[in-house]
ModelCIF file with pLDDT and N, C-alpha, C, O atoms, coordinates in Angstrom:
data_MODEL
#
_entry.id   MODEL 
#
_entity.id                         1 
_entity.type                       polymer 
_entity.pdbx_number_of_molecules   1 
#
_entity_poly.entity_id                      1 
_entity_poly.type                           'polypeptide(L)' 
_entity_poly.nstd_linkage                   no 
_entity_poly.nstd_monomer                   no 
_entity_poly.pdbx_seq_one_letter_code       
;(UNK)(UNK)(UNK)(UNK)(UNK)(UNK)(UNK)(UNK)(UNK)(UNK)(UNK)(UNK)(UNK)(UNK)(UNK)(UNK)
(UNK)(UNK)(UNK)(UNK)(UNK)(UNK)(UNK)(UNK)(UNK)(UNK)(UNK)(UNK)(UNK)(UNK)(UNK)(UNK)
;
_entity_poly.pdbx_seq_one_letter_code_can   XXXXXXXXXXXXXXXXXXXXXXXXXXXXXXXX 
_entity_poly.pdbx_strand_id                 A 
#
loop_
_entity_poly_seq.entity_id 
_entity_poly_seq.num 
_entity_poly_seq.mon_id 
_entity_poly_seq.hetero 
1 1  UNK n 
1 2  UNK n 
1 3  UNK n 
1 4  UNK n 
1 5  UNK n 
1 6  UNK n 
1 7  UNK n 
1 8  UNK n 
1 9  UNK n 
1 10 UNK n 
1 11 UNK n 
1 12 UNK n 
1 13 UNK n 
1 14 UNK n 
1 15 UNK n 
1 16 UNK n 
1 17 UNK n 
1 18 UNK n 
1 19 UNK n 
1 20 UNK n 
1 21 UNK n 
1 22 UNK n 
1 23 UNK n 
1 24 UNK n 
1 25 UNK n 
1 26 UNK n 
1 27 UNK n 
1 28 UNK n 
1 29 UNK n 
1 30 UNK n 
1 31 UNK n 
1 32 UNK n 
#
_struct_asym.id          A 
_struct_asym.entity_id   1 
#
loop_
_ma_qa_metric.id 
_ma_qa_metric.mode 
_ma_qa_metric.name 
_ma_qa_metric.software_group_id 
_ma_qa_metric.type 
1 global pLDDT . pLDDT 
2 local  pLDDT . pLDDT 
#
_ma_qa_metric_global.metric_id      1 
_ma_qa_metric_global.metric_value   51.31 
_ma_qa_metric_global.model_id       1 
_ma_qa_metric_global.ordinal_id     1 
#
loop_
_ma_qa_metric_local.label_asym_id 
_ma_qa_metric_local.label_comp_id 
_ma_qa_metric_local.label_seq_id 
_ma_qa_metric_local.metric_id 
_ma_qa_metric_local.metric_value 
_ma_qa_metric_local.model_id 
_ma_qa_metric_local.ordinal_id 
A UNK 1  2 76.00 1 1  
A UNK 2  2 65.00 1 2  
A UNK 3  2 57.00 1 3  
A UNK 4  2 44.00 1 4  
A UNK 5  2 47.00 1 5  
A UNK 6  2 49.00 1 6  
A UNK 7  2 54.00 1 7  
A UNK 8  2 60.00 1 8  
A UNK 9  2 68.00 1 9  
A UNK 10 2 69.00 1 10 
A UNK 11 2 74.00 1 11 
A UNK 12 2 77.00 1 12 
A UNK 13 2 76.00 1 13 
A UNK 14 2 70.00 1 14 
A UNK 15 2 61.00 1 15 
A UNK 16 2 56.00 1 16 
A UNK 17 2 51.00 1 17 
A UNK 18 2 49.00 1 18 
A UNK 19 2 43.00 1 19 
A UNK 20 2 40.00 1 20 
A UNK 21 2 40.00 1 21 
A UNK 22 2 34.00 1 22 
A UNK 23 2 32.00 1 23 
A UNK 24 2 30.00 1 24 
A UNK 25 2 29.00 1 25 
A UNK 26 2 28.00 1 26 
A UNK 27 2 27.00 1 27 
A UNK 28 2 34.00 1 28 
A UNK 29 2 48.00 1 29 
A UNK 30 2 47.00 1 30 
A UNK 31 2 50.00 1 31 
A UNK 32 2 57.00 1 32 
#
loop_
_atom_site.group_PDB 
_atom_site.id 
_atom_site.type_symbol 
_atom_site.label_atom_id 
_atom_site.label_alt_id 
_atom_site.label_comp_id 
_atom_site.label_asym_id 
_atom_site.label_entity_id 
_atom_site.label_seq_id 
_atom_site.pdbx_PDB_ins_code 
_atom_site.Cartn_x 
_atom_site.Cartn_y 
_atom_site.Cartn_z 
_atom_site.occupancy 
_atom_site.B_iso_or_equiv 
_atom_site.pdbx_formal_charge 
_atom_site.auth_seq_id 
_atom_site.auth_comp_id 
_atom_site.auth_asym_id 
_atom_site.auth_atom_id 
_atom_site.pdbx_PDB_model_num 
ATOM 1   N N  . UNK A 1 1  ? -16.855 -21.611 -13.984 1.00 76.00 ? 1  UNK A N  1 
ATOM 2   C CA . UNK A 1 1  ? -16.032 -20.440 -14.297 1.00 76.00 ? 1  UNK A CA 1 
ATOM 3   C C  . UNK A 1 1  ? -14.933 -20.361 -13.237 1.00 76.00 ? 1  UNK A C  1 
ATOM 4   O O  . UNK A 1 1  ? -15.200 -20.125 -12.059 1.00 76.00 ? 1  UNK A O  1 
ATOM 5   N N  . UNK A 1 2  ? -13.697 -20.563 -13.682 1.00 65.00 ? 2  UNK A N  1 
ATOM 6   C CA . UNK A 1 2  ? -12.602 -20.701 -12.738 1.00 65.00 ? 2  UNK A CA 1 
ATOM 7   C C  . UNK A 1 2  ? -11.776 -19.427 -12.633 1.00 65.00 ? 2  UNK A C  1 
ATOM 8   O O  . UNK A 1 2  ? -11.288 -18.926 -13.646 1.00 65.00 ? 2  UNK A O  1 
ATOM 9   N N  . UNK A 1 3  ? -11.613 -18.898 -11.432 1.00 57.00 ? 3  UNK A N  1 
ATOM 10  C CA . UNK A 1 3  ? -10.702 -17.768 -11.238 1.00 57.00 ? 3  UNK A CA 1 
ATOM 11  C C  . UNK A 1 3  ? -9.253  -18.177 -11.504 1.00 57.00 ? 3  UNK A C  1 
ATOM 12  O O  . UNK A 1 3  ? -8.955  -19.350 -11.730 1.00 57.00 ? 3  UNK A O  1 
ATOM 13  N N  . UNK A 1 4  ? -8.384  -17.212 -11.473 1.00 44.00 ? 4  UNK A N  1 
ATOM 14  C CA . UNK A 1 4  ? -6.969  -17.467 -11.741 1.00 44.00 ? 4  UNK A CA 1 
ATOM 15  C C  . UNK A 1 4  ? -6.174  -17.283 -10.461 1.00 44.00 ? 4  UNK A C  1 
ATOM 16  O O  . UNK A 1 4  ? -6.461  -16.395 -9.659  1.00 44.00 ? 4  UNK A O  1 
ATOM 17  N N  . UNK A 1 5  ? -5.182  -18.125 -10.282 1.00 47.00 ? 5  UNK A N  1 
ATOM 18  C CA . UNK A 1 5  ? -4.436  -18.081 -9.041  1.00 47.00 ? 5  UNK A CA 1 
ATOM 19  C C  . UNK A 1 5  ? -3.001  -18.520 -9.287  1.00 47.00 ? 5  UNK A C  1 
ATOM 20  O O  . UNK A 1 5  ? -2.653  -18.981 -10.374 1.00 47.00 ? 5  UNK A O  1 
ATOM 21  N N  . UNK A 1 6  ? -2.181  -18.368 -8.265  1.00 49.00 ? 6  UNK A N  1 
ATOM 22  C CA . UNK A 1 6  ? -0.801  -18.844 -8.325  1.00 49.00 ? 6  UNK A CA 1 
ATOM 23  C C  . UNK A 1 6  ? -0.464  -19.457 -6.968  1.00 49.00 ? 6  UNK A C  1 
ATOM 24  O O  . UNK A 1 6  ? -1.207  -19.284 -6.002  1.00 49.00 ? 6  UNK A O  1 
ATOM 25  N N  . UNK A 1 7  ? 0.640   -20.160 -6.900  1.00 54.00 ? 7  UNK A N  1 
ATOM 26  C CA . UNK A 1 7  ? 1.047   -20.790 -5.653  1.00 54.00 ? 7  UNK A CA 1 
ATOM 27  C C  . UNK A 1 7  ? 2.221   -20.044 -5.044  1.00 54.00 ? 7  UNK A C  1 
ATOM 28  O O  . UNK A 1 7  ? 3.121   -19.604 -5.758  1.00 54.00 ? 7  UNK A O  1 
ATOM 29  N N  . UNK A 1 8  ? 2.213   -19.902 -3.722  1.00 60.00 ? 8  UNK A N  1 
ATOM 30  C CA . UNK A 1 8  ? 3.368   -19.372 -3.006  1.00 60.00 ? 8  UNK A CA 1 
ATOM 31  C C  . UNK A 1 8  ? 3.727   -20.347 -1.904  1.00 60.00 ? 8  UNK A C  1 
ATOM 32  O O  . UNK A 1 8  ? 2.898   -21.165 -1.503  1.00 60.00 ? 8  UNK A O  1 
ATOM 33  N N  . UNK A 1 9  ? 4.934   -20.272 -1.418  1.00 68.00 ? 9  UNK A N  1 
ATOM 34  C CA . UNK A 1 9  ? 5.396   -21.157 -0.359  1.00 68.00 ? 9  UNK A CA 1 
ATOM 35  C C  . UNK A 1 9  ? 5.367   -20.405 0.970   1.00 68.00 ? 9  UNK A C  1 
ATOM 36  O O  . UNK A 1 9  ? 5.937   -19.320 1.093   1.00 68.00 ? 9  UNK A O  1 
ATOM 37  N N  . UNK A 1 10 ? 4.708   -20.982 1.946   1.00 69.00 ? 10 UNK A N  1 
ATOM 38  C CA . UNK A 1 10 ? 4.608   -20.360 3.244   1.00 69.00 ? 10 UNK A CA 1 
ATOM 39  C C  . UNK A 1 10 ? 5.822   -20.622 4.108   1.00 69.00 ? 10 UNK A C  1 
ATOM 40  O O  . UNK A 1 10 ? 6.756   -21.312 3.702   1.00 69.00 ? 10 UNK A O  1 
ATOM 41  N N  . UNK A 1 11 ? 5.796   -20.058 5.314   1.00 74.00 ? 11 UNK A N  1 
ATOM 42  C CA . UNK A 1 11 ? 6.932   -20.193 6.223   1.00 74.00 ? 11 UNK A CA 1 
ATOM 43  C C  . UNK A 1 11 ? 7.185   -21.647 6.619   1.00 74.00 ? 11 UNK A C  1 
ATOM 44  O O  . UNK A 1 11 ? 8.310   -22.023 6.947   1.00 74.00 ? 11 UNK A O  1 
ATOM 45  N N  . UNK A 1 12 ? 6.122   -22.465 6.584   1.00 77.00 ? 12 UNK A N  1 
ATOM 46  C CA . UNK A 1 12 ? 6.278   -23.876 6.944   1.00 77.00 ? 12 UNK A CA 1 
ATOM 47  C C  . UNK A 1 12 ? 6.713   -24.738 5.764   1.00 77.00 ? 12 UNK A C  1 
ATOM 48  O O  . UNK A 1 12 ? 6.829   -25.957 5.891   1.00 77.00 ? 12 UNK A O  1 
ATOM 49  N N  . UNK A 1 13 ? 6.953   -24.106 4.615   1.00 76.00 ? 13 UNK A N  1 
ATOM 50  C CA . UNK A 1 13 ? 7.399   -24.839 3.440   1.00 76.00 ? 13 UNK A CA 1 
ATOM 51  C C  . UNK A 1 13 ? 6.288   -25.363 2.567   1.00 76.00 ? 13 UNK A C  1 
ATOM 52  O O  . UNK A 1 13 ? 6.550   -25.847 1.466   1.00 76.00 ? 13 UNK A O  1 
ATOM 53  N N  . UNK A 1 14 ? 5.028   -25.281 3.034   1.00 70.00 ? 14 UNK A N  1 
ATOM 54  C CA . UNK A 1 14 ? 3.904   -25.763 2.244   1.00 70.00 ? 14 UNK A CA 1 
ATOM 55  C C  . UNK A 1 14 ? 3.437   -24.680 1.268   1.00 70.00 ? 14 UNK A C  1 
ATOM 56  O O  . UNK A 1 14 ? 3.511   -23.484 1.548   1.00 70.00 ? 14 UNK A O  1 
ATOM 57  N N  . UNK A 1 15 ? 2.959   -25.139 0.128   1.00 61.00 ? 15 UNK A N  1 
ATOM 58  C CA . UNK A 1 15 ? 2.433   -24.201 -0.854  1.00 61.00 ? 15 UNK A CA 1 
ATOM 59  C C  . UNK A 1 15 ? 0.940   -23.981 -0.624  1.00 61.00 ? 15 UNK A C  1 
ATOM 60  O O  . UNK A 1 15 ? 0.225   -24.889 -0.202  1.00 61.00 ? 15 UNK A O  1 
ATOM 61  N N  . UNK A 1 16 ? 0.486   -22.771 -0.904  1.00 56.00 ? 16 UNK A N  1 
ATOM 62  C CA . UNK A 1 16 ? -0.940  -22.486 -0.830  1.00 56.00 ? 16 UNK A CA 1 
ATOM 63  C C  . UNK A 1 16 ? -1.292  -21.478 -1.908  1.00 56.00 ? 16 UNK A C  1 
ATOM 64  O O  . UNK A 1 16 ? -0.426  -20.776 -2.430  1.00 56.00 ? 16 UNK A O  1 
ATOM 65  N N  . UNK A 1 17 ? -2.592  -21.416 -2.237  1.00 51.00 ? 17 UNK A N  1 
ATOM 66  C CA . UNK A 1 17 ? -3.035  -20.590 -3.358  1.00 51.00 ? 17 UNK A CA 1 
ATOM 67  C C  . UNK A 1 17 ? -3.310  -19.162 -2.921  1.00 51.00 ? 17 UNK A C  1 
ATOM 68  O O  . UNK A 1 17 ? -3.927  -18.934 -1.880  1.00 51.00 ? 17 UNK A O  1 
ATOM 69  N N  . UNK A 1 18 ? -2.859  -18.215 -3.703  1.00 49.00 ? 18 UNK A N  1 
ATOM 70  C CA . UNK A 1 18 ? -3.167  -16.802 -3.463  1.00 49.00 ? 18 UNK A CA 1 
ATOM 71  C C  . UNK A 1 18 ? -3.552  -16.170 -4.795  1.00 49.00 ? 18 UNK A C  1 
ATOM 72  O O  . UNK A 1 18 ? -3.238  -16.701 -5.860  1.00 49.00 ? 18 UNK A O  1 
ATOM 73  N N  . UNK A 1 19 ? -4.224  -15.050 -4.722  1.00 43.00 ? 19 UNK A N  1 
ATOM 74  C CA . UNK A 1 19 ? -4.556  -14.358 -5.961  1.00 43.00 ? 19 UNK A CA 1 
ATOM 75  C C  . UNK A 1 19 ? -3.379  -13.473 -6.382  1.00 43.00 ? 19 UNK A C  1 
ATOM 76  O O  . UNK A 1 19 ? -2.316  -13.495 -5.761  1.00 43.00 ? 19 UNK A O  1 
ATOM 77  N N  . UNK A 1 20 ? -3.586  -12.705 -7.437  1.00 40.00 ? 20 UNK A N  1 
ATOM 78  C CA . UNK A 1 20 ? -2.469  -11.957 -8.009  1.00 40.00 ? 20 UNK A CA 1 
ATOM 79  C C  . UNK A 1 20 ? -2.316  -10.550 -7.433  1.00 40.00 ? 20 UNK A C  1 
ATOM 80  O O  . UNK A 1 20 ? -1.594  -9.721  -7.988  1.00 40.00 ? 20 UNK A O  1 
ATOM 81  N N  . UNK A 1 21 ? -2.983  -10.292 -6.342  1.00 40.00 ? 21 UNK A N  1 
ATOM 82  C CA . UNK A 1 21 ? -2.867  -8.974  -5.723  1.00 40.00 ? 21 UNK A CA 1 
ATOM 83  C C  . UNK A 1 21 ? -2.475  -9.161  -4.257  1.00 40.00 ? 21 UNK A C  1 
ATOM 84  O O  . UNK A 1 21 ? -2.662  -10.251 -3.716  1.00 40.00 ? 21 UNK A O  1 
ATOM 85  N N  . UNK A 1 22 ? -1.942  -8.140  -3.604  1.00 34.00 ? 22 UNK A N  1 
ATOM 86  C CA . UNK A 1 22 ? -1.635  -8.252  -2.174  1.00 34.00 ? 22 UNK A CA 1 
ATOM 87  C C  . UNK A 1 22 ? -2.919  -8.528  -1.385  1.00 34.00 ? 22 UNK A C  1 
ATOM 88  O O  . UNK A 1 22 ? -4.001  -8.213  -1.880  1.00 34.00 ? 22 UNK A O  1 
ATOM 89  N N  . UNK A 1 23 ? -2.847  -9.094  -0.197  1.00 32.00 ? 23 UNK A N  1 
ATOM 90  C CA . UNK A 1 23 ? -1.624  -9.487  0.485   1.00 32.00 ? 23 UNK A CA 1 
ATOM 91  C C  . UNK A 1 23 ? -1.090  -10.810 -0.053  1.00 32.00 ? 23 UNK A C  1 
ATOM 92  O O  . UNK A 1 23 ? -1.853  -11.607 -0.598  1.00 32.00 ? 23 UNK A O  1 
ATOM 93  N N  . UNK A 1 24 ? 0.197   -11.048 0.092   1.00 30.00 ? 24 UNK A N  1 
ATOM 94  C CA . UNK A 1 24 ? 0.803   -12.257 -0.441  1.00 30.00 ? 24 UNK A CA 1 
ATOM 95  C C  . UNK A 1 24 ? 0.297   -13.498 0.292   1.00 30.00 ? 24 UNK A C  1 
ATOM 96  O O  . UNK A 1 24 ? 0.110   -14.551 -0.318  1.00 30.00 ? 24 UNK A O  1 
ATOM 97  N N  . UNK A 1 25 ? 0.076   -13.372 1.603   1.00 29.00 ? 25 UNK A N  1 
ATOM 98  C CA . UNK A 1 25 ? -0.397  -14.506 2.393   1.00 29.00 ? 25 UNK A CA 1 
ATOM 99  C C  . UNK A 1 25 ? -1.912  -14.425 2.526   1.00 29.00 ? 25 UNK A C  1 
ATOM 100 O O  . UNK A 1 25 ? -2.437  -14.034 3.569   1.00 29.00 ? 25 UNK A O  1 
ATOM 101 N N  . UNK A 1 26 ? -2.614  -14.805 1.446   1.00 28.00 ? 26 UNK A N  1 
ATOM 102 C CA . UNK A 1 26 ? -4.074  -14.729 1.453   1.00 28.00 ? 26 UNK A CA 1 
ATOM 103 C C  . UNK A 1 26 ? -4.656  -15.899 2.236   1.00 28.00 ? 26 UNK A C  1 
ATOM 104 O O  . UNK A 1 26 ? -3.951  -16.862 2.538   1.00 28.00 ? 26 UNK A O  1 
ATOM 105 N N  . UNK A 1 27 ? -5.937  -15.813 2.563   1.00 27.00 ? 27 UNK A N  1 
ATOM 106 C CA . UNK A 1 27 ? -6.601  -16.871 3.304   1.00 27.00 ? 27 UNK A CA 1 
ATOM 107 C C  . UNK A 1 27 ? -6.812  -18.085 2.410   1.00 27.00 ? 27 UNK A C  1 
ATOM 108 O O  . UNK A 1 27 ? -6.556  -18.017 1.208   1.00 27.00 ? 27 UNK A O  1 
ATOM 109 N N  . UNK A 1 28 ? -7.275  -19.194 2.979   1.00 34.00 ? 28 UNK A N  1 
ATOM 110 C CA . UNK A 1 28 ? -7.567  -20.364 2.172   1.00 34.00 ? 28 UNK A CA 1 
ATOM 111 C C  . UNK A 1 28 ? -8.724  -20.077 1.227   1.00 34.00 ? 28 UNK A C  1 
ATOM 112 O O  . UNK A 1 28 ? -9.625  -19.294 1.532   1.00 34.00 ? 28 UNK A O  1 
ATOM 113 N N  . UNK A 1 29 ? -8.675  -20.726 0.082   1.00 48.00 ? 29 UNK A N  1 
ATOM 114 C CA . UNK A 1 29 ? -9.626  -20.501 -1.005  1.00 48.00 ? 29 UNK A CA 1 
ATOM 115 C C  . UNK A 1 29 ? -9.810  -19.002 -1.266  1.00 48.00 ? 29 UNK A C  1 
ATOM 116 O O  . UNK A 1 29 ? -10.954 -18.561 -1.383  1.00 48.00 ? 29 UNK A O  1 
ATOM 117 N N  . UNK A 1 30 ? -8.752  -18.201 -1.363  1.00 47.00 ? 30 UNK A N  1 
ATOM 118 C CA . UNK A 1 30 ? -8.917  -16.756 -1.478  1.00 47.00 ? 30 UNK A CA 1 
ATOM 119 C C  . UNK A 1 30 ? -9.411  -16.312 -2.840  1.00 47.00 ? 30 UNK A C  1 
ATOM 120 O O  . UNK A 1 30 ? -10.035 -15.259 -2.971  1.00 47.00 ? 30 UNK A O  1 
ATOM 121 N N  . UNK A 1 31 ? -9.134  -17.110 -3.845  1.00 50.00 ? 31 UNK A N  1 
ATOM 122 C CA . UNK A 1 31 ? -9.371  -16.598 -5.191  1.00 50.00 ? 31 UNK A CA 1 
ATOM 123 C C  . UNK A 1 31 ? -10.844 -16.484 -5.525  1.00 50.00 ? 31 UNK A C  1 
ATOM 124 O O  . UNK A 1 31 ? -11.225 -15.649 -6.345  1.00 50.00 ? 31 UNK A O  1 
ATOM 125 N N  . UNK A 1 32 ? -11.670 -17.295 -4.915  1.00 57.00 ? 32 UNK A N  1 
ATOM 126 C CA . UNK A 1 32 ? -13.089 -17.170 -5.226  1.00 57.00 ? 32 UNK A CA 1 
ATOM 127 C C  . UNK A 1 32 ? -13.637 -15.842 -4.714  1.00 57.00 ? 32 UNK A C  1 
ATOM 128 O O  . UNK A 1 32 ? -14.822 -15.556 -4.885  1.00 57.00 ? 32 UNK A O  1 
#
């Protein structure tokens, strides 16, 4: 059962996964 997520670009230019609610800069593997 897979949660839903989106990608954002961090200050270093790398993309990482966050969920659809604040905060925008979520921790690693935040969606689970």
